[in-house]
Amino acid sequence: MTGRTAAENTALAVSESDDGLVIRTTIDRPDERNALNEAVIEGLLDVLAVADEGPARVVVIRGAGGTFCSGGDLKSMAANFGEGPQTYREGFSGLSRLMGRLVETRALTVAAVEGYCLAGGMGLAAACDMLLASEAATFGTPEVDIGLFPAQALVPIMRTVSEKRGLKLLFTGEQIDAASAHEMGLTTDVVSESEFESELDELVDDLASSSPVLIEMGKRAYYTQRDMGFEEALSYMREIIALIAMSEDTEEGINAFLMDEEPDWSDR
């Protein structure tokens, strides 16, 4: 990888496809159930920066050892006991920045969830554009059991799941299986453990084959219109589709369709 990179970050394993269209990132702290510490968060932020600087269309985030992420690193949190409020604000700001960048980055982000996906890890997964889960995955916000409310994870989670079910999850700390998470609206798809790798590859290939103009403008437009009123959103999206229709990629796509050929998308 070029530019800013997490390649030397021992908390992450990062690889890039030969064409640079896909960046795969693995949280590599299996002994800590891939808990989020400063190195993991800063490394993921670096990966997203690299994606924005280059041709990447898809960024995949997963965890090593069959676990996605167990949430924040409690050992790091314990080190702040007795400190003032600013120390706590700074300590929690990393996850907030990361979830915001997942939405802002130009590439599509995919959470590949196996095993435990808990607390801040569930927030991280919910903040991704798509979430592919193994049927053996487990979701939950168990930090309530130690007297901590999942305030930051709540933001992407509650923009994804049904309200009443989500509130129960947040306040009870119950852990649910992938089928229940899918019923709540959290996941894109749930697949068997034996098919997880092939289904992930198929999803990533499908996403990466799309026009980079469509991906970038479409993603930005979706998150922008999400909080608009209905008429305002329609007016905004009319402008967006007009801009995309004027792009070289749309011209290429239409011509390729008429010629029964594969489109040759432009670089960013």
Protein backbone atom coordinates (compact mmCIF):
# COMPACT_ATOMS: atom_id res chain seq x y z
CA MET A 1 0.00 0.00 0.00
CA THR A 2 1.14 3.53 -0.71
CA GLY A 3 0.69 6.80 1.18
CA ARG A 4 -0.35 6.61 4.81
CA THR A 5 -0.55 2.96 5.76
CA ALA A 6 -1.22 0.62 8.64
CA ALA A 7 1.08 -2.01 7.12
CA GLU A 8 3.54 -1.77 10.06
CA ASN A 9 0.79 -1.68 12.68
CA THR A 10 1.02 -4.99 14.56
CA ALA A 11 -2.63 -4.67 15.65
CA LEU A 12 -3.79 -4.92 12.02
CA ALA A 13 -3.15 -7.09 9.00
CA VAL A 14 -3.74 -5.17 5.77
CA SER A 15 -3.73 -6.39 2.18
CA GLU A 16 -4.66 -4.82 -1.13
CA SER A 17 -5.91 -6.43 -4.34
CA ASP A 18 -3.59 -6.33 -7.34
CA ASP A 19 -5.74 -3.69 -9.03
CA GLY A 20 -6.00 -1.64 -5.83
CA LEU A 21 -9.81 -1.72 -5.87
CA VAL A 22 -10.20 -3.68 -2.63
CA ILE A 23 -8.44 -3.19 0.71
CA ARG A 24 -8.88 -5.97 3.27
CA THR A 25 -8.15 -5.19 6.90
CA THR A 26 -8.07 -7.65 9.79
CA ILE A 27 -8.01 -6.62 13.45
CA ASP A 28 -5.21 -8.88 14.64
CA ARG A 29 -5.53 -9.12 18.42
CA PRO A 30 -7.07 -12.58 18.81
CA ASP A 31 -5.76 -13.03 22.35
CA GLU A 32 -7.74 -9.92 23.33
CA ARG A 33 -10.78 -10.95 21.24
CA ASN A 34 -9.77 -8.14 18.86
CA ALA A 35 -10.61 -5.41 21.36
CA LEU A 36 -10.34 -1.84 20.09
CA ASN A 37 -7.30 0.01 21.38
CA GLU A 38 -5.62 3.16 20.09
CA ALA A 39 -3.42 1.22 17.66
CA VAL A 40 -6.41 -0.52 16.06
CA ILE A 41 -8.44 2.66 15.73
CA GLU A 42 -5.59 4.75 14.35
CA GLY A 43 -4.68 1.92 11.98
CA LEU A 44 -8.22 1.71 10.62
CA LEU A 45 -8.29 5.48 10.20
CA ASP A 46 -5.05 5.22 8.21
CA VAL A 47 -6.56 2.50 6.01
CA LEU A 48 -9.55 4.72 5.22
CA ALA A 49 -7.20 7.60 4.40
CA VAL A 50 -5.32 5.34 1.97
CA ALA A 51 -8.62 4.30 0.40
CA ASP A 52 -9.57 7.92 -0.17
CA GLU A 53 -6.20 8.74 -1.72
CA GLY A 54 -6.24 5.86 -4.20
CA PRO A 55 -8.51 3.81 -6.47
CA ALA A 56 -10.08 1.64 -3.74
CA ARG A 57 -13.81 1.04 -4.14
CA VAL A 58 -14.28 -1.39 -1.22
CA VAL A 59 -12.74 -1.67 2.25
CA VAL A 60 -13.36 -4.90 4.18
CA ILE A 61 -12.97 -5.04 7.97
CA ARG A 62 -12.89 -8.32 9.86
CA GLY A 63 -11.30 -9.87 12.93
CA ALA A 64 -8.65 -12.55 13.37
CA GLY A 65 -9.24 -15.92 14.99
CA GLY A 66 -12.94 -16.21 14.30
CA THR A 67 -13.99 -13.15 16.34
CA PHE A 68 -14.93 -9.80 14.82
CA CYS A 69 -14.43 -7.46 17.78
CA SER A 70 -15.31 -7.59 21.48
CA GLY A 71 -15.49 -3.81 21.90
CA GLY A 72 -13.23 -1.36 23.68
CA ASP A 73 -10.10 -2.44 25.51
CA LEU A 74 -11.09 -2.45 29.21
CA LYS A 75 -7.46 -2.52 30.29
CA SER A 76 -6.90 0.82 28.60
CA MET A 77 -10.07 2.18 30.16
CA ALA A 78 -9.05 1.04 33.63
CA ALA A 79 -5.83 3.01 33.29
CA ASN A 80 -7.91 6.21 33.19
CA PHE A 81 -9.71 5.61 36.49
CA GLY A 82 -9.56 8.72 38.65
CA GLU A 83 -8.73 11.05 35.76
CA GLY A 84 -10.77 14.11 34.83
CA PRO A 85 -13.56 14.31 32.22
CA GLN A 86 -11.27 15.53 29.45
CA THR A 87 -9.20 12.37 29.70
CA TYR A 88 -12.32 10.28 29.24
CA ARG A 89 -13.49 12.43 26.31
CA GLU A 90 -10.16 11.97 24.58
CA GLY A 91 -10.16 8.26 25.34
CA PHE A 92 -13.55 7.73 23.72
CA SER A 93 -13.03 10.12 20.81
CA GLY A 94 -11.17 7.59 18.67
CA LEU A 95 -14.14 5.30 18.12
CA SER A 96 -16.35 8.28 17.39
CA ARG A 97 -13.93 9.54 14.74
CA LEU A 98 -13.63 6.07 13.22
CA MET A 99 -17.38 5.53 12.89
CA GLY A 100 -17.75 8.97 11.33
CA ARG A 101 -14.98 8.25 8.82
CA LEU A 102 -16.60 4.96 7.80
CA VAL A 103 -19.58 6.97 6.59
CA GLU A 104 -17.49 9.74 5.03
CA THR A 105 -14.93 7.64 3.17
CA ARG A 106 -15.42 7.43 -0.59
CA ALA A 107 -15.18 3.63 -0.70
CA LEU A 108 -17.92 1.24 0.32
CA THR A 109 -17.15 -0.42 3.66
CA VAL A 110 -18.02 -4.03 4.49
CA ALA A 111 -17.96 -5.57 7.97
CA ALA A 112 -17.24 -9.30 7.71
CA VAL A 113 -18.54 -10.57 11.04
CA GLU A 114 -17.66 -13.94 12.53
CA GLY A 115 -17.93 -14.90 16.19
CA TYR A 116 -18.40 -12.17 18.75
CA CYS A 117 -19.39 -8.67 17.60
CA LEU A 118 -19.93 -6.81 20.84
CA ALA A 119 -20.12 -3.32 22.36
CA GLY A 120 -18.00 -0.86 20.37
CA GLY A 121 -17.31 -3.65 17.91
CA MET A 122 -21.02 -3.82 17.17
CA GLY A 123 -21.01 -0.07 16.66
CA LEU A 124 -18.04 -0.42 14.31
CA ALA A 125 -19.83 -3.09 12.28
CA ALA A 126 -23.11 -1.14 12.19
CA ALA A 127 -21.27 1.95 10.92
CA CYS A 128 -20.09 0.04 7.83
CA ASP A 129 -22.19 0.31 4.69
CA MET A 130 -22.78 -3.43 4.61
CA LEU A 131 -22.53 -6.21 7.16
CA LEU A 132 -22.09 -9.83 6.16
CA ALA A 133 -22.47 -12.16 9.14
CA SER A 134 -21.71 -15.81 9.67
CA GLU A 135 -24.71 -17.67 11.05
CA ALA A 136 -22.56 -18.44 14.11
CA ALA A 137 -21.96 -14.73 14.89
CA THR A 138 -23.11 -13.20 18.18
CA PHE A 139 -24.11 -9.55 18.65
CA GLY A 140 -24.71 -7.47 21.76
CA THR A 141 -23.82 -4.47 23.91
CA PRO A 142 -22.77 -6.12 27.19
CA GLU A 143 -21.03 -3.02 28.55
CA VAL A 144 -24.22 -2.32 30.49
CA ASP A 145 -23.14 -5.20 32.74
CA ILE A 146 -20.19 -3.11 33.93
CA GLY A 147 -22.26 0.05 34.35
CA LEU A 148 -21.36 1.65 31.02
CA PHE A 149 -24.00 2.73 28.50
CA PRO A 150 -23.13 2.04 24.82
CA ALA A 151 -23.61 5.70 23.92
CA GLN A 152 -21.33 5.88 20.88
CA ALA A 153 -22.22 2.47 19.45
CA LEU A 154 -25.88 3.48 19.79
CA VAL A 155 -25.59 6.04 16.99
CA PRO A 156 -24.99 3.66 14.04
CA ILE A 157 -26.88 0.77 15.65
CA MET A 158 -30.11 2.71 16.14
CA ARG A 159 -29.93 4.09 12.60
CA THR A 160 -29.98 0.50 11.41
CA VAL A 161 -32.27 -1.59 13.61
CA SER A 162 -35.91 -1.32 14.65
CA GLU A 163 -36.29 1.09 17.58
CA LYS A 164 -37.99 -1.06 20.21
CA ARG A 165 -35.79 -4.09 19.61
CA GLY A 166 -32.71 -1.91 19.58
CA LEU A 167 -33.55 -0.21 22.86
CA LYS A 168 -34.00 -3.57 24.56
CA LEU A 169 -30.61 -4.65 23.27
CA LEU A 170 -28.91 -1.48 24.49
CA PHE A 171 -30.41 -1.50 27.98
CA THR A 172 -30.31 -5.22 28.79
CA GLY A 173 -26.98 -6.20 27.29
CA GLU A 174 -28.52 -9.38 25.89
CA GLN A 175 -26.54 -11.20 23.26
CA ILE A 176 -28.36 -12.32 20.13
CA ASP A 177 -27.56 -14.65 17.27
CA ALA A 178 -27.11 -13.64 13.65
CA ALA A 179 -30.63 -14.65 12.67
CA SER A 180 -32.11 -12.31 15.30
CA ALA A 181 -29.73 -9.53 14.26
CA HIS A 182 -30.86 -9.96 10.66
CA GLU A 183 -34.51 -9.84 11.70
CA MET A 184 -33.80 -6.52 13.44
CA GLY A 185 -32.28 -5.11 10.26
CA LEU A 186 -28.64 -5.04 11.41
CA THR A 187 -27.13 -7.30 8.76
CA THR A 188 -27.01 -7.28 4.98
CA ASP A 189 -26.90 -11.07 4.76
CA VAL A 190 -26.36 -14.06 7.03
CA VAL A 191 -24.57 -17.07 5.54
CA SER A 192 -23.35 -20.43 6.77
CA GLU A 193 -19.84 -20.74 8.17
CA SER A 194 -18.83 -23.03 5.29
CA GLU A 195 -19.93 -20.46 2.70
CA PHE A 196 -18.74 -17.34 4.49
CA GLU A 197 -15.50 -16.81 2.54
CA SER A 198 -17.04 -17.43 -0.87
CA GLU A 199 -20.06 -15.22 -0.11
CA LEU A 200 -17.79 -12.46 1.14
CA ASP A 201 -15.66 -12.64 -2.00
CA GLU A 202 -18.76 -12.58 -4.21
CA LEU A 203 -20.17 -9.52 -2.41
CA VAL A 204 -16.85 -7.67 -2.58
CA ASP A 205 -16.38 -8.50 -6.27
CA ASP A 206 -19.91 -7.29 -7.07
CA LEU A 207 -19.36 -4.01 -5.22
CA ALA A 208 -15.90 -3.41 -6.69
CA SER A 209 -17.20 -3.90 -10.24
CA SER A 210 -19.38 -0.78 -9.99
CA SER A 211 -18.44 2.64 -11.33
CA PRO A 212 -16.28 4.60 -8.85
CA VAL A 213 -18.32 7.72 -9.64
CA LEU A 214 -21.52 5.85 -8.80
CA ILE A 215 -20.03 4.50 -5.56
CA GLU A 216 -18.69 7.80 -4.30
CA MET A 217 -21.61 10.02 -5.28
CA GLY A 218 -24.25 7.41 -4.45
CA LYS A 219 -22.86 6.77 -0.98
CA ARG A 220 -22.54 10.47 -0.18
CA ALA A 221 -26.04 11.14 -1.48
CA TYR A 222 -27.59 8.35 0.59
CA TYR A 223 -26.16 9.54 3.89
CA THR A 224 -26.95 13.18 3.07
CA GLN A 225 -30.62 12.56 2.23
CA ARG A 226 -31.19 10.23 5.17
CA ASP A 227 -32.04 13.05 7.57
CA MET A 228 -33.97 15.17 5.07
CA GLY A 229 -37.72 15.49 4.76
CA PHE A 230 -39.35 13.55 1.92
CA GLU A 231 -39.78 16.42 -0.55
CA GLU A 232 -36.37 17.87 0.24
CA ALA A 233 -34.78 14.46 -0.33
CA LEU A 234 -36.54 14.04 -3.69
CA SER A 235 -35.34 17.45 -4.84
CA TYR A 236 -31.78 16.74 -3.70
CA MET A 237 -31.67 13.31 -5.34
CA ARG A 238 -32.96 14.75 -8.62
CA GLU A 239 -29.82 16.89 -8.72
CA ILE A 240 -27.62 13.94 -7.82
CA ILE A 241 -28.94 11.69 -10.58
CA ALA A 242 -28.52 14.51 -13.09
CA LEU A 243 -24.87 14.93 -12.07
CA ILE A 244 -24.18 11.20 -12.27
CA ALA A 245 -25.95 10.96 -15.64
CA MET A 246 -23.58 13.61 -17.02
CA SER A 247 -20.49 11.65 -15.95
CA GLU A 248 -18.17 9.85 -18.34
CA ASP A 249 -18.89 6.62 -16.51
CA THR A 250 -22.61 6.75 -17.28
CA GLU A 251 -21.84 7.38 -20.95
CA GLU A 252 -19.41 4.46 -20.90
CA GLY A 253 -21.93 2.24 -19.14
CA ILE A 254 -24.73 2.94 -21.59
CA ASN A 255 -22.47 2.46 -24.62
CA ALA A 256 -21.08 -0.79 -23.17
CA PHE A 257 -24.62 -2.07 -22.56
CA LEU A 258 -25.67 -1.25 -26.12
CA MET A 259 -22.55 -2.97 -27.48
CA ASP A 260 -22.98 -5.94 -25.11
CA GLU A 261 -19.53 -5.30 -23.62
CA GLU A 262 -18.12 -4.85 -20.13
CA PRO A 263 -17.77 -1.15 -19.21
CA ASP A 264 -14.29 0.30 -18.77
CA TRP A 265 -14.83 2.60 -15.81
CA SER A 266 -12.69 5.69 -15.34
CA ASP A 267 -10.34 6.17 -12.42
CA ARG A 268 -11.39 8.61 -9.74
